[in-house]
Amino acid sequence: MPDMKKKPAATVTEKTSAHCQQRQSFRIPLKFNVLMASQSGISGNTSQAHAPISKRKVGLGFIRRRSQWLWLFFGSITLGFCIFHFQYVPAEGMRQRLLPGEWFLYQQKYYQFAMQLHLMTTLTSSILFVFQFIPYIRDNYRQFHRVSGRIAFILLFIGSMSGITISQRAFGGSMSTRSASLTLAIMTAFSTFKSWRSIRLRRVNEHRKWTLRCAFYMGSIISVRGTLLFTAIATMWLAPQYVVFRCDELDFTMALGAARRNVSVLSLEAKYPACQGTRALAVVPVLSAFRGSYEEVASVLRLSFGASMWLALVLHAVGVEFYLNSSAPQESKARQSTSKEKTT
């Protein structure tokens, strides 16, 4: 019989190398299959991990539903306010609808023109601002967004300057009214400049924040209608208050109030003896009372308007910062997800 020699047993090193070669042979087709599946559109675990996540939009291009509802709420109020107050632009509409005691000032051509210019510029600018915050328009009609934004800022600047002119005599021209109007003009001008500067430097997020601040500061004029009632009640509740009127202004206000209320005109000298004779520039104190005569209602408004402007401005300044801080975590998450998508 031939010699049957036993083959030497494979060493541990040879077995390990053979096993590694076998595993390597199976890895190549696995990678190839995954690559082909991702190119052909078949979803797999590996391809889904690196696929870009599309943000779902709820309407008008908004990503968050809260932002959409806030835009609908504030935008509808702003549009309604602006459309209604276009009735004040003609002189006759101004005479019929101005608050008690104010038509005496605006019957003068200089202040009447300043008021009309203020209304036309600020109301048009506010309407343009409403559409500036629609993401669908901003993303799909960028040229319209740029042009309308520039027009809105220019109109706002003109309206602020005419508003400062009016505030010297509006509602008695008190120091609180003048200072509140000047502060509002400075805040809107500064936020407008920062917004324009940010977009020139391609800082879109800062541009959005400063434009929001500017819009909220402008909206404080709408809230004055609510804070005026609060401040008027608060001032009258403390103690009886008096406001000084000129005799010629008081005579005109009493006659206009009688015509609006369709009542007989009381004699100026009988109710205010200090106005007897031809002393048109003499001044007399008038009681502030909501349920009183027409000039007494005008006295309430003059007493409370400056404080109501300050209160509305503070509320809007705090409110916009609260909104920006509450939306900051969501914005940071969005920026992080965007940076991850770019790196992958």
C-alpha atoms as a PDB file:
ATOM      1  CA  MET A   1       0.000   0.000   0.000  1.00  0.00           C
ATOM      2  CA  PRO A   2       1.226   3.438  -0.782  1.00  0.00           C
ATOM      3  CA  ASP A   3       2.281   5.548   2.081  1.00  0.00           C
ATOM      4  CA  MET A   4      -0.585   7.682   3.276  1.00  0.00           C
ATOM      5  CA  LYS A   5       0.978  10.843   4.577  1.00  0.00           C
ATOM      6  CA  LYS A   6      -1.198  13.078   6.672  1.00  0.00           C
ATOM      7  CA  LYS A   7      -1.497  16.678   5.610  1.00  0.00           C
ATOM      8  CA  PRO A   8      -0.344  19.131   8.218  1.00  0.00           C
ATOM      9  CA  ALA A   9      -3.178  20.852  10.058  1.00  0.00           C
ATOM     10  CA  ALA A  10      -3.764  24.521   9.205  1.00  0.00           C
ATOM     11  CA  THR A  11      -2.396  26.893  11.693  1.00  0.00           C
ATOM     12  CA  VAL A  12      -4.517  29.468  13.536  1.00  0.00           C
ATOM     13  CA  THR A  13      -2.996  32.318  11.517  1.00  0.00           C
ATOM     14  CA  GLU A  14      -3.923  30.719   8.206  1.00  0.00           C
ATOM     15  CA  LYS A  15      -7.517  30.132   9.388  1.00  0.00           C
ATOM     16  CA  THR A  16      -7.891  33.752  10.470  1.00  0.00           C
ATOM     17  CA  SER A  17      -6.593  35.152   7.166  1.00  0.00           C
ATOM     18  CA  ALA A  18      -8.879  32.886   5.181  1.00  0.00           C
ATOM     19  CA  HIS A  19     -11.883  33.965   7.250  1.00  0.00           C
ATOM     20  CA  CYS A  20     -11.091  37.654   6.718  1.00  0.00           C
ATOM     21  CA  GLN A  21     -10.782  37.132   2.950  1.00  0.00           C
ATOM     22  CA  GLN A  22     -14.167  35.411   2.950  1.00  0.00           C
ATOM     23  CA  ARG A  23     -15.822  38.326   4.846  1.00  0.00           C
ATOM     24  CA  GLN A  24     -14.179  40.874   2.535  1.00  0.00           C
ATOM     25  CA  SER A  25     -15.618  39.057  -0.486  1.00  0.00           C
ATOM     26  CA  PHE A  26     -19.127  39.537   0.926  1.00  0.00           C
ATOM     27  CA  ARG A  27     -18.679  43.227   1.732  1.00  0.00           C
ATOM     28  CA  ILE A  28     -18.195  44.419  -1.831  1.00  0.00           C
ATOM     29  CA  PRO A  29     -21.583  43.322  -3.216  1.00  0.00           C
ATOM     30  CA  LEU A  30     -23.329  44.637  -0.082  1.00  0.00           C
ATOM     31  CA  LYS A  31     -21.955  48.138  -0.627  1.00  0.00           C
ATOM     32  CA  PHE A  32     -22.752  47.910  -4.302  1.00  0.00           C
ATOM     33  CA  ASN A  33     -26.362  46.949  -3.597  1.00  0.00           C
ATOM     34  CA  VAL A  34     -26.845  49.825  -1.153  1.00  0.00           C
ATOM     35  CA  LEU A  35     -25.375  52.296  -3.638  1.00  0.00           C
ATOM     36  CA  MET A  36     -27.625  51.065  -6.445  1.00  0.00           C
ATOM     37  CA  ALA A  37     -30.672  51.191  -4.186  1.00  0.00           C
ATOM     38  CA  SER A  38     -30.000  54.780  -3.164  1.00  0.00           C
ATOM     39  CA  GLN A  39     -29.483  55.846  -6.790  1.00  0.00           C
ATOM     40  CA  SER A  40     -32.646  54.119  -7.996  1.00  0.00           C
ATOM     41  CA  GLY A  41     -34.799  55.795  -5.301  1.00  0.00           C
ATOM     42  CA  ILE A  42     -35.435  52.711  -3.151  1.00  0.00           C
ATOM     43  CA  SER A  43     -35.554  53.785   0.494  1.00  0.00           C
ATOM     44  CA  GLY A  44     -33.283  52.006   2.874  1.00  0.00           C
ATOM     45  CA  ASN A  45     -31.922  52.578   6.340  1.00  0.00           C
ATOM     46  CA  THR A  46     -28.598  53.858   5.057  1.00  0.00           C
ATOM     47  CA  SER A  47     -30.081  56.235   2.501  1.00  0.00           C
ATOM     48  CA  GLN A  48     -32.704  57.606   4.906  1.00  0.00           C
ATOM     49  CA  ALA A  49     -30.092  58.580   7.443  1.00  0.00           C
ATOM     50  CA  HIS A  50     -28.516  61.070   5.036  1.00  0.00           C
ATOM     51  CA  ALA A  51     -31.627  62.203   3.142  1.00  0.00           C
ATOM     52  CA  PRO A  52     -32.485  65.928   3.487  1.00  0.00           C
ATOM     53  CA  ILE A  53     -35.511  66.585   5.652  1.00  0.00           C
ATOM     54  CA  SER A  54     -38.095  68.811   3.945  1.00  0.00           C
ATOM     55  CA  LYS A  55     -39.888  71.277   6.210  1.00  0.00           C
ATOM     56  CA  ARG A  56     -43.645  71.040   6.081  1.00  0.00           C
ATOM     57  CA  LYS A  57     -45.419  74.364   5.523  1.00  0.00           C
ATOM     58  CA  VAL A  58     -48.832  74.990   7.043  1.00  0.00           C
ATOM     59  CA  GLY A  59     -50.022  77.816   4.786  1.00  0.00           C
ATOM     60  CA  LEU A  60     -48.792  81.009   3.074  1.00  0.00           C
ATOM     61  CA  GLY A  61     -45.283  79.596   3.434  1.00  0.00           C
ATOM     62  CA  PHE A  62     -45.261  79.559   7.257  1.00  0.00           C
ATOM     63  CA  ILE A  63     -43.413  76.668   8.904  1.00  0.00           C
ATOM     64  CA  ARG A  64     -44.892  77.009  12.394  1.00  0.00           C
ATOM     65  CA  ARG A  65     -48.629  77.221  12.903  1.00  0.00           C
ATOM     66  CA  ARG A  66     -48.177  79.660  15.774  1.00  0.00           C
ATOM     67  CA  SER A  67     -46.494  82.159  13.470  1.00  0.00           C
ATOM     68  CA  GLN A  68     -49.322  81.793  10.975  1.00  0.00           C
ATOM     69  CA  TRP A  69     -52.000  82.506  13.582  1.00  0.00           C
ATOM     70  CA  LEU A  70     -50.076  85.471  14.972  1.00  0.00           C
ATOM     71  CA  TRP A  71     -49.760  86.939  11.479  1.00  0.00           C
ATOM     72  CA  LEU A  72     -53.480  86.442  10.844  1.00  0.00           C
ATOM     73  CA  PHE A  73     -54.366  88.097  14.158  1.00  0.00           C
ATOM     74  CA  PHE A  74     -52.103  91.143  13.995  1.00  0.00           C
ATOM     75  CA  GLY A  75     -52.310  91.454  10.213  1.00  0.00           C
ATOM     76  CA  SER A  76     -56.112  91.519  10.138  1.00  0.00           C
ATOM     77  CA  ILE A  77     -56.219  94.136  12.911  1.00  0.00           C
ATOM     78  CA  THR A  78     -53.669  96.300  11.096  1.00  0.00           C
ATOM     79  CA  LEU A  79     -55.442  96.056   7.741  1.00  0.00           C
ATOM     80  CA  GLY A  80     -58.819  96.842   9.282  1.00  0.00           C
ATOM     81  CA  PHE A  81     -57.408  99.812  11.188  1.00  0.00           C
ATOM     82  CA  CYS A  82     -55.684 101.232   8.100  1.00  0.00           C
ATOM     83  CA  ILE A  83     -58.660 100.818   5.773  1.00  0.00           C
ATOM     84  CA  PHE A  84     -61.000 102.447   8.295  1.00  0.00           C
ATOM     85  CA  HIS A  85     -58.721 105.419   8.970  1.00  0.00           C
ATOM     86  CA  PHE A  86     -58.354 106.300   5.282  1.00  0.00           C
ATOM     87  CA  GLN A  87     -61.699 108.042   5.847  1.00  0.00           C
ATOM     88  CA  TYR A  88     -59.818 110.642   7.906  1.00  0.00           C
ATOM     89  CA  VAL A  89     -57.690 111.833   4.981  1.00  0.00           C
ATOM     90  CA  PRO A  90     -60.241 114.231   3.408  1.00  0.00           C
ATOM     91  CA  ALA A  91     -60.869 117.413   5.383  1.00  0.00           C
ATOM     92  CA  GLU A  92     -64.581 116.672   5.773  1.00  0.00           C
ATOM     93  CA  GLY A  93     -63.909 113.176   7.060  1.00  0.00           C
ATOM     94  CA  MET A  94     -61.380 114.596   9.484  1.00  0.00           C
ATOM     95  CA  ARG A  95     -63.885 117.160  10.767  1.00  0.00           C
ATOM     96  CA  GLN A  96     -66.575 114.559  11.378  1.00  0.00           C
ATOM     97  CA  ARG A  97     -64.451 111.795  12.905  1.00  0.00           C
ATOM     98  CA  LEU A  98     -61.670 113.416  14.906  1.00  0.00           C
ATOM     99  CA  LEU A  99     -61.741 113.055  18.667  1.00  0.00           C
ATOM    100  CA  PRO A 100     -63.355 115.870  20.673  1.00  0.00           C
ATOM    101  CA  GLY A 101     -61.299 119.050  20.811  1.00  0.00           C
ATOM    102  CA  GLU A 102     -58.952 118.254  17.892  1.00  0.00           C
ATOM    103  CA  TRP A 103     -60.662 119.839  14.886  1.00  0.00           C
ATOM    104  CA  PHE A 104     -59.808 123.339  16.120  1.00  0.00           C
ATOM    105  CA  LEU A 105     -56.143 122.594  15.376  1.00  0.00           C
ATOM    106  CA  TYR A 106     -56.582 120.801  12.060  1.00  0.00           C
ATOM    107  CA  GLN A 107     -58.832 123.414  10.501  1.00  0.00           C
ATOM    108  CA  GLN A 108     -55.591 125.358  10.077  1.00  0.00           C
ATOM    109  CA  LYS A 109     -54.146 124.518   6.656  1.00  0.00           C
ATOM    110  CA  TYR A 110     -50.614 123.866   7.881  1.00  0.00           C
ATOM    111  CA  TYR A 111     -51.572 121.254  10.465  1.00  0.00           C
ATOM    112  CA  GLN A 112     -54.290 119.846   8.238  1.00  0.00           C
ATOM    113  CA  PHE A 113     -51.758 119.131   5.482  1.00  0.00           C
ATOM    114  CA  ALA A 114     -49.332 117.639   8.018  1.00  0.00           C
ATOM    115  CA  MET A 115     -52.084 115.368   9.335  1.00  0.00           C
ATOM    116  CA  GLN A 116     -53.122 114.263   5.844  1.00  0.00           C
ATOM    117  CA  LEU A 117     -49.508 113.557   4.906  1.00  0.00           C
ATOM    118  CA  HIS A 118     -49.032 111.622   8.146  1.00  0.00           C
ATOM    119  CA  LEU A 119     -52.135 109.502   7.542  1.00  0.00           C
ATOM    120  CA  MET A 120     -51.417 108.704   3.893  1.00  0.00           C
ATOM    121  CA  THR A 121     -47.795 107.702   4.471  1.00  0.00           C
ATOM    122  CA  THR A 122     -48.158 105.722   7.694  1.00  0.00           C
ATOM    123  CA  LEU A 123     -51.332 103.876   6.657  1.00  0.00           C
ATOM    124  CA  THR A 124     -49.833 102.867   3.295  1.00  0.00           C
ATOM    125  CA  SER A 125     -46.585 101.828   4.957  1.00  0.00           C
ATOM    126  CA  SER A 126     -48.464  99.708   7.507  1.00  0.00           C
ATOM    127  CA  ILE A 127     -50.360  97.865   4.763  1.00  0.00           C
ATOM    128  CA  LEU A 128     -47.092  97.107   2.958  1.00  0.00           C
ATOM    129  CA  PHE A 129     -45.568  95.860   6.211  1.00  0.00           C
ATOM    130  CA  VAL A 130     -48.357  93.291   6.595  1.00  0.00           C
ATOM    131  CA  PHE A 131     -47.476  91.666   3.269  1.00  0.00           C
ATOM    132  CA  GLN A 132     -43.735  91.830   3.996  1.00  0.00           C
ATOM    133  CA  PHE A 133     -44.153  89.084   6.609  1.00  0.00           C
ATOM    134  CA  ILE A 134     -45.758  86.515   4.276  1.00  0.00           C
ATOM    135  CA  PRO A 135     -43.066  83.852   3.613  1.00  0.00           C
ATOM    136  CA  TYR A 136     -44.658  82.772   0.318  1.00  0.00           C
ATOM    137  CA  ILE A 137     -44.271  86.270  -1.144  1.00  0.00           C
ATOM    138  CA  ARG A 138     -40.785  86.642   0.317  1.00  0.00           C
ATOM    139  CA  ASP A 139     -39.596  83.349  -1.209  1.00  0.00           C
ATOM    140  CA  ASN A 140     -41.331  83.463  -4.604  1.00  0.00           C
ATOM    141  CA  TYR A 141     -41.498  87.200  -5.356  1.00  0.00           C
ATOM    142  CA  ARG A 142     -38.231  88.523  -3.996  1.00  0.00           C
ATOM    143  CA  GLN A 143     -38.112  91.583  -6.224  1.00  0.00           C
ATOM    144  CA  PHE A 144     -41.548  92.663  -5.024  1.00  0.00           C
ATOM    145  CA  HIS A 145     -40.426  92.045  -1.440  1.00  0.00           C
ATOM    146  CA  ARG A 146     -37.373  94.276  -1.892  1.00  0.00           C
ATOM    147  CA  VAL A 147     -39.159  97.128  -3.660  1.00  0.00           C
ATOM    148  CA  SER A 148     -42.172  97.185  -1.340  1.00  0.00           C
ATOM    149  CA  GLY A 149     -39.871  97.079   1.688  1.00  0.00           C
ATOM    150  CA  ARG A 150     -37.943 100.124   0.505  1.00  0.00           C
ATOM    151  CA  ILE A 151     -41.171 102.001  -0.230  1.00  0.00           C
ATOM    152  CA  ALA A 152     -42.537 101.097   3.213  1.00  0.00           C
ATOM    153  CA  PHE A 153     -39.411 102.380   4.965  1.00  0.00           C
ATOM    154  CA  ILE A 154     -39.410 105.658   3.007  1.00  0.00           C
ATOM    155  CA  LEU A 155     -43.103 106.268   3.713  1.00  0.00           C
ATOM    156  CA  LEU A 156     -42.544 105.464   7.374  1.00  0.00           C
ATOM    157  CA  PHE A 157     -39.772 108.051   7.612  1.00  0.00           C
ATOM    158  CA  ILE A 158     -41.995 110.739   6.065  1.00  0.00           C
ATOM    159  CA  GLY A 159     -44.859 109.781   8.366  1.00  0.00           C
ATOM    160  CA  SER A 160     -42.615 109.963  11.423  1.00  0.00           C
ATOM    161  CA  MET A 161     -41.438 113.470  10.561  1.00  0.00           C
ATOM    162  CA  SER A 162     -44.988 114.717   9.988  1.00  0.00           C
ATOM    163  CA  GLY A 163     -46.073 113.008  13.212  1.00  0.00           C
ATOM    164  CA  ILE A 164     -43.449 114.921  15.190  1.00  0.00           C
ATOM    165  CA  THR A 165     -44.774 118.151  13.650  1.00  0.00           C
ATOM    166  CA  ILE A 166     -48.347 117.336  14.669  1.00  0.00           C
ATOM    167  CA  SER A 167     -47.405 116.332  18.207  1.00  0.00           C
ATOM    168  CA  GLN A 168     -46.372 119.907  19.032  1.00  0.00           C
ATOM    169  CA  ARG A 169     -50.064 120.849  19.230  1.00  0.00           C
ATOM    170  CA  ALA A 170     -52.018 117.579  19.166  1.00  0.00           C
ATOM    171  CA  PHE A 171     -54.103 116.883  22.297  1.00  0.00           C
ATOM    172  CA  GLY A 172     -52.946 120.123  23.849  1.00  0.00           C
ATOM    173  CA  GLY A 173     -49.276 119.564  22.978  1.00  0.00           C
ATOM    174  CA  SER A 174     -48.344 118.365  26.455  1.00  0.00           C
ATOM    175  CA  MET A 175     -44.786 117.312  27.211  1.00  0.00           C
ATOM    176  CA  SER A 176     -45.818 113.674  27.640  1.00  0.00           C
ATOM    177  CA  THR A 177     -47.403 113.633  24.168  1.00  0.00           C
ATOM    178  CA  ARG A 178     -44.387 115.289  22.554  1.00  0.00           C
ATOM    179  CA  SER A 179     -41.852 113.032  24.248  1.00  0.00           C
ATOM    180  CA  ALA A 180     -43.821 109.871  23.423  1.00  0.00           C
ATOM    181  CA  SER A 181     -44.136 110.852  19.749  1.00  0.00           C
ATOM    182  CA  LEU A 182     -40.436 111.702  19.520  1.00  0.00           C
ATOM    183  CA  THR A 183     -39.431 108.443  21.223  1.00  0.00           C
ATOM    184  CA  LEU A 184     -41.628 106.430  18.872  1.00  0.00           C
ATOM    185  CA  ALA A 185     -40.096 108.160  15.847  1.00  0.00           C
ATOM    186  CA  ILE A 186     -36.549 107.491  17.100  1.00  0.00           C
ATOM    187  CA  MET A 187     -37.277 103.816  17.820  1.00  0.00           C
ATOM    188  CA  THR A 188     -38.822 103.203  14.402  1.00  0.00           C
ATOM    189  CA  ALA A 189     -36.012 105.079  12.634  1.00  0.00           C
ATOM    190  CA  PHE A 190     -33.311 103.141  14.495  1.00  0.00           C
ATOM    191  CA  SER A 191     -34.956  99.754  13.843  1.00  0.00           C
ATOM    192  CA  THR A 192     -35.406 100.701  10.178  1.00  0.00           C
ATOM    193  CA  PHE A 193     -31.705 101.514   9.855  1.00  0.00           C
ATOM    194  CA  LYS A 194     -30.668  98.283  11.602  1.00  0.00           C
ATOM    195  CA  SER A 195     -32.988  96.261   9.382  1.00  0.00           C
ATOM    196  CA  TRP A 196     -31.578  97.842   6.221  1.00  0.00           C
ATOM    197  CA  ARG A 197     -28.000  97.444   7.474  1.00  0.00           C
ATOM    198  CA  SER A 198     -28.521  93.775   8.330  1.00  0.00           C
ATOM    199  CA  ILE A 199     -29.874  92.826   4.920  1.00  0.00           C
ATOM    200  CA  ARG A 200     -27.015  94.680   3.229  1.00  0.00           C
ATOM    201  CA  LEU A 201     -24.625  92.467   5.191  1.00  0.00           C
ATOM    202  CA  ARG A 202     -26.635  89.324   4.244  1.00  0.00           C
ATOM    203  CA  ARG A 203     -27.729  88.768   7.850  1.00  0.00           C
ATOM    204  CA  VAL A 204     -31.258  87.643   7.091  1.00  0.00           C
ATOM    205  CA  ASN A 205     -32.151  86.584  10.620  1.00  0.00           C
ATOM    206  CA  GLU A 206     -31.159  89.959  12.092  1.00  0.00           C
ATOM    207  CA  HIS A 207     -33.028  91.712   9.279  1.00  0.00           C
ATOM    208  CA  ARG A 208     -36.175  89.811  10.216  1.00  0.00           C
ATOM    209  CA  LYS A 209     -35.831  90.673  13.909  1.00  0.00           C
ATOM    210  CA  TRP A 210     -35.354  94.393  13.364  1.00  0.00           C
ATOM    211  CA  THR A 211     -38.214  94.557  10.872  1.00  0.00           C
ATOM    212  CA  LEU A 212     -40.452  92.852  13.413  1.00  0.00           C
ATOM    213  CA  ARG A 213     -39.411  95.382  16.037  1.00  0.00           C
ATOM    214  CA  CYS A 214     -40.182  98.254  13.691  1.00  0.00           C
ATOM    215  CA  ALA A 215     -43.629  96.834  12.888  1.00  0.00           C
ATOM    216  CA  PHE A 216     -44.447  96.302  16.559  1.00  0.00           C
ATOM    217  CA  TYR A 217     -43.388  99.841  17.453  1.00  0.00           C
ATOM    218  CA  MET A 218     -45.649 101.184  14.712  1.00  0.00           C
ATOM    219  CA  GLY A 219     -48.519  99.050  15.979  1.00  0.00           C
ATOM    220  CA  SER A 220     -48.452 100.812  19.335  1.00  0.00           C
ATOM    221  CA  ILE A 221     -50.574 103.567  17.751  1.00  0.00           C
ATOM    222  CA  ILE A 222     -53.374 101.025  17.335  1.00  0.00           C
ATOM    223  CA  SER A 223     -53.119  99.963  20.966  1.00  0.00           C
ATOM    224  CA  VAL A 224     -53.390 103.593  22.092  1.00  0.00           C
ATOM    225  CA  ARG A 225     -57.144 103.275  21.510  1.00  0.00           C
ATOM    226  CA  GLY A 226     -57.274 100.710  24.303  1.00  0.00           C
ATOM    227  CA  THR A 227     -54.737 102.210  26.683  1.00  0.00           C
ATOM    228  CA  LEU A 228     -56.390 105.638  26.347  1.00  0.00           C
ATOM    229  CA  LEU A 229     -59.537 104.305  27.985  1.00  0.00           C
ATOM    230  CA  PHE A 230     -57.513 102.710  30.780  1.00  0.00           C
ATOM    231  CA  THR A 231     -55.436 105.803  31.559  1.00  0.00           C
ATOM    232  CA  ALA A 232     -58.486 108.075  31.410  1.00  0.00           C
ATOM    233  CA  ILE A 233     -60.375 105.980  33.950  1.00  0.00           C
ATOM    234  CA  ALA A 234     -57.285 105.702  36.158  1.00  0.00           C
ATOM    235  CA  THR A 235     -56.649 109.460  36.241  1.00  0.00           C
ATOM    236  CA  MET A 236     -60.275 110.356  36.971  1.00  0.00           C
ATOM    237  CA  TRP A 237     -60.561 107.681  39.652  1.00  0.00           C
ATOM    238  CA  LEU A 238     -57.765 109.205  41.717  1.00  0.00           C
ATOM    239  CA  ALA A 239     -59.118 112.751  42.005  1.00  0.00           C
ATOM    240  CA  PRO A 240     -60.914 115.385  39.890  1.00  0.00           C
ATOM    241  CA  GLN A 241     -58.564 116.631  37.174  1.00  0.00           C
ATOM    242  CA  TYR A 242     -58.558 119.869  35.182  1.00  0.00           C
ATOM    243  CA  VAL A 243     -56.946 120.788  31.854  1.00  0.00           C
ATOM    244  CA  VAL A 244     -56.313 124.328  30.632  1.00  0.00           C
ATOM    245  CA  PHE A 245     -58.056 125.499  27.413  1.00  0.00           C
ATOM    246  CA  ARG A 246     -57.814 128.759  25.524  1.00  0.00           C
ATOM    247  CA  CYS A 247     -61.081 130.672  25.352  1.00  0.00           C
ATOM    248  CA  ASP A 248     -61.283 130.767  21.536  1.00  0.00           C
ATOM    249  CA  GLU A 249     -60.506 127.057  21.379  1.00  0.00           C
ATOM    250  CA  LEU A 250     -63.082 126.344  24.060  1.00  0.00           C
ATOM    251  CA  ASP A 251     -65.747 128.372  22.249  1.00  0.00           C
ATOM    252  CA  PHE A 252     -65.091 126.490  19.006  1.00  0.00           C
ATOM    253  CA  THR A 253     -65.134 123.093  20.776  1.00  0.00           C
ATOM    254  CA  MET A 254     -68.428 123.802  22.545  1.00  0.00           C
ATOM    255  CA  ALA A 255     -70.091 124.855  19.279  1.00  0.00           C
ATOM    256  CA  LEU A 256     -68.818 121.762  17.442  1.00  0.00           C
ATOM    257  CA  GLY A 257     -69.965 119.505  20.271  1.00  0.00           C
ATOM    258  CA  ALA A 258     -73.448 121.014  20.224  1.00  0.00           C
ATOM    259  CA  ALA A 259     -73.649 120.444  16.463  1.00  0.00           C
ATOM    260  CA  ARG A 260     -72.521 116.816  16.772  1.00  0.00           C
ATOM    261  CA  ARG A 261     -74.845 116.061  19.674  1.00  0.00           C
ATOM    262  CA  ASN A 262     -77.676 118.127  18.189  1.00  0.00           C
ATOM    263  CA  VAL A 263     -78.205 120.157  21.359  1.00  0.00           C
ATOM    264  CA  SER A 264     -78.439 123.861  22.057  1.00  0.00           C
ATOM    265  CA  VAL A 265     -75.198 125.768  22.509  1.00  0.00           C
ATOM    266  CA  LEU A 266     -74.531 127.080  25.993  1.00  0.00           C
ATOM    267  CA  SER A 267     -73.088 130.540  26.369  1.00  0.00           C
ATOM    268  CA  LEU A 268     -69.317 130.496  26.820  1.00  0.00           C
ATOM    269  CA  GLU A 269     -69.381 133.484  29.170  1.00  0.00           C
ATOM    270  CA  ALA A 270     -72.145 131.935  31.255  1.00  0.00           C
ATOM    271  CA  LYS A 271     -70.283 128.678  31.867  1.00  0.00           C
ATOM    272  CA  TYR A 272     -66.760 130.135  31.949  1.00  0.00           C
ATOM    273  CA  PRO A 273     -66.893 133.727  33.215  1.00  0.00           C
ATOM    274  CA  ALA A 274     -63.139 134.160  32.724  1.00  0.00           C
ATOM    275  CA  CYS A 275     -63.753 134.209  28.955  1.00  0.00           C
ATOM    276  CA  GLN A 276     -65.978 137.315  29.038  1.00  0.00           C
ATOM    277  CA  GLY A 277     -65.190 140.099  26.614  1.00  0.00           C
ATOM    278  CA  THR A 278     -62.673 139.829  23.788  1.00  0.00           C
ATOM    279  CA  ARG A 279     -60.030 137.899  25.688  1.00  0.00           C
ATOM    280  CA  ALA A 280     -59.651 135.126  23.097  1.00  0.00           C
ATOM    281  CA  LEU A 281     -56.191 134.109  24.292  1.00  0.00           C
ATOM    282  CA  ALA A 282     -57.206 133.846  27.927  1.00  0.00           C
ATOM    283  CA  VAL A 283     -57.088 130.365  29.452  1.00  0.00           C
ATOM    284  CA  VAL A 284     -59.515 128.615  31.783  1.00  0.00           C
ATOM    285  CA  PRO A 285     -59.426 125.213  33.551  1.00  0.00           C
ATOM    286  CA  VAL A 286     -61.902 122.622  32.268  1.00  0.00           C
ATOM    287  CA  LEU A 287     -63.006 119.611  34.311  1.00  0.00           C
ATOM    288  CA  SER A 288     -62.130 116.149  32.932  1.00  0.00           C
ATOM    289  CA  ALA A 289     -65.235 113.936  32.841  1.00  0.00           C
ATOM    290  CA  PHE A 290     -66.283 111.171  30.443  1.00  0.00           C
ATOM    291  CA  ARG A 291     -69.997 111.703  31.050  1.00  0.00           C
ATOM    292  CA  GLY A 292     -69.819 115.468  31.033  1.00  0.00           C
ATOM    293  CA  SER A 293     -70.128 118.023  28.288  1.00  0.00           C
ATOM    294  CA  TYR A 294     -68.250 117.876  24.997  1.00  0.00           C
ATOM    295  CA  GLU A 295     -65.354 120.033  26.183  1.00  0.00           C
ATOM    296  CA  GLU A 296     -65.055 117.970  29.373  1.00  0.00           C
ATOM    297  CA  VAL A 297     -64.617 114.810  27.282  1.00  0.00           C
ATOM    298  CA  ALA A 298     -61.947 116.643  25.272  1.00  0.00           C
ATOM    299  CA  SER A 299     -60.274 117.521  28.570  1.00  0.00           C
ATOM    300  CA  VAL A 300     -60.121 113.820  29.516  1.00  0.00           C
ATOM    301  CA  LEU A 301     -58.487 112.916  26.210  1.00  0.00           C
ATOM    302  CA  ARG A 302     -55.876 115.647  26.494  1.00  0.00           C
ATOM    303  CA  LEU A 303     -55.047 114.619  30.014  1.00  0.00           C
ATOM    304  CA  SER A 304     -54.595 110.917  29.191  1.00  0.00           C
ATOM    305  CA  PHE A 305     -53.253 110.757  25.629  1.00  0.00           C
ATOM    306  CA  GLY A 306     -49.546 111.154  26.425  1.00  0.00           C
ATOM    307  CA  ALA A 307     -49.609 108.528  29.178  1.00  0.00           C
ATOM    308  CA  SER A 308     -51.565 106.136  26.951  1.00  0.00           C
ATOM    309  CA  MET A 309     -48.926 106.479  24.213  1.00  0.00           C
ATOM    310  CA  TRP A 310     -46.137 105.666  26.662  1.00  0.00           C
ATOM    311  CA  LEU A 311     -48.033 102.664  28.019  1.00  0.00           C
ATOM    312  CA  ALA A 312     -48.773 101.275  24.547  1.00  0.00           C
ATOM    313  CA  LEU A 313     -45.167 101.774  23.433  1.00  0.00           C
ATOM    314  CA  VAL A 314     -43.794  99.933  26.467  1.00  0.00           C
ATOM    315  CA  LEU A 315     -46.238  97.043  25.993  1.00  0.00           C
ATOM    316  CA  HIS A 316     -45.289  96.626  22.334  1.00  0.00           C
ATOM    317  CA  ALA A 317     -41.550  96.925  23.005  1.00  0.00           C
ATOM    318  CA  VAL A 318     -41.725  94.234  25.696  1.00  0.00           C
ATOM    319  CA  GLY A 319     -44.068  92.057  23.640  1.00  0.00           C
ATOM    320  CA  VAL A 320     -41.849  91.891  20.568  1.00  0.00           C
ATOM    321  CA  GLU A 321     -38.800  90.986  22.657  1.00  0.00           C
ATOM    322  CA  PHE A 322     -40.784  88.255  24.386  1.00  0.00           C
ATOM    323  CA  TYR A 323     -41.797  86.821  21.014  1.00  0.00           C
ATOM    324  CA  LEU A 324     -38.263  86.949  19.629  1.00  0.00           C
ATOM    325  CA  ASN A 325     -36.826  85.234  22.715  1.00  0.00           C
ATOM    326  CA  SER A 326     -39.508  82.534  22.691  1.00  0.00           C
ATOM    327  CA  SER A 327     -38.845  81.756  19.024  1.00  0.00           C
ATOM    328  CA  ALA A 328     -35.044  81.771  19.422  1.00  0.00           C
ATOM    329  CA  PRO A 329     -34.703  78.053  20.433  1.00  0.00           C
ATOM    330  CA  GLN A 330     -36.696  76.957  17.396  1.00  0.00           C
ATOM    331  CA  GLU A 331     -34.576  79.119  15.111  1.00  0.00           C
ATOM    332  CA  SER A 332     -31.356  77.667  16.541  1.00  0.00           C
ATOM    333  CA  LYS A 333     -32.662  74.139  15.965  1.00  0.00           C
ATOM    334  CA  ALA A 334     -33.516  75.019  12.386  1.00  0.00           C
ATOM    335  CA  ARG A 335     -30.037  76.448  11.808  1.00  0.00           C
ATOM    336  CA  GLN A 336     -28.421  73.336  13.319  1.00  0.00           C
ATOM    337  CA  SER A 337     -30.457  71.018  11.106  1.00  0.00           C
ATOM    338  CA  THR A 338     -29.573  73.118   8.065  1.00  0.00           C
ATOM    339  CA  SER A 339     -25.855  72.987   8.894  1.00  0.00           C
ATOM    340  CA  LYS A 340     -26.035  69.203   9.365  1.00  0.00           C
ATOM    341  CA  GLU A 341     -27.678  68.802   5.969  1.00  0.00           C
ATOM    342  CA  LYS A 342     -24.927  70.856   4.349  1.00  0.00           C
ATOM    343  CA  THR A 343     -22.150  68.824   5.975  1.00  0.00           C
ATOM    344  CA  THR A 344     -23.710  65.494   4.964  1.00  0.00           C
END
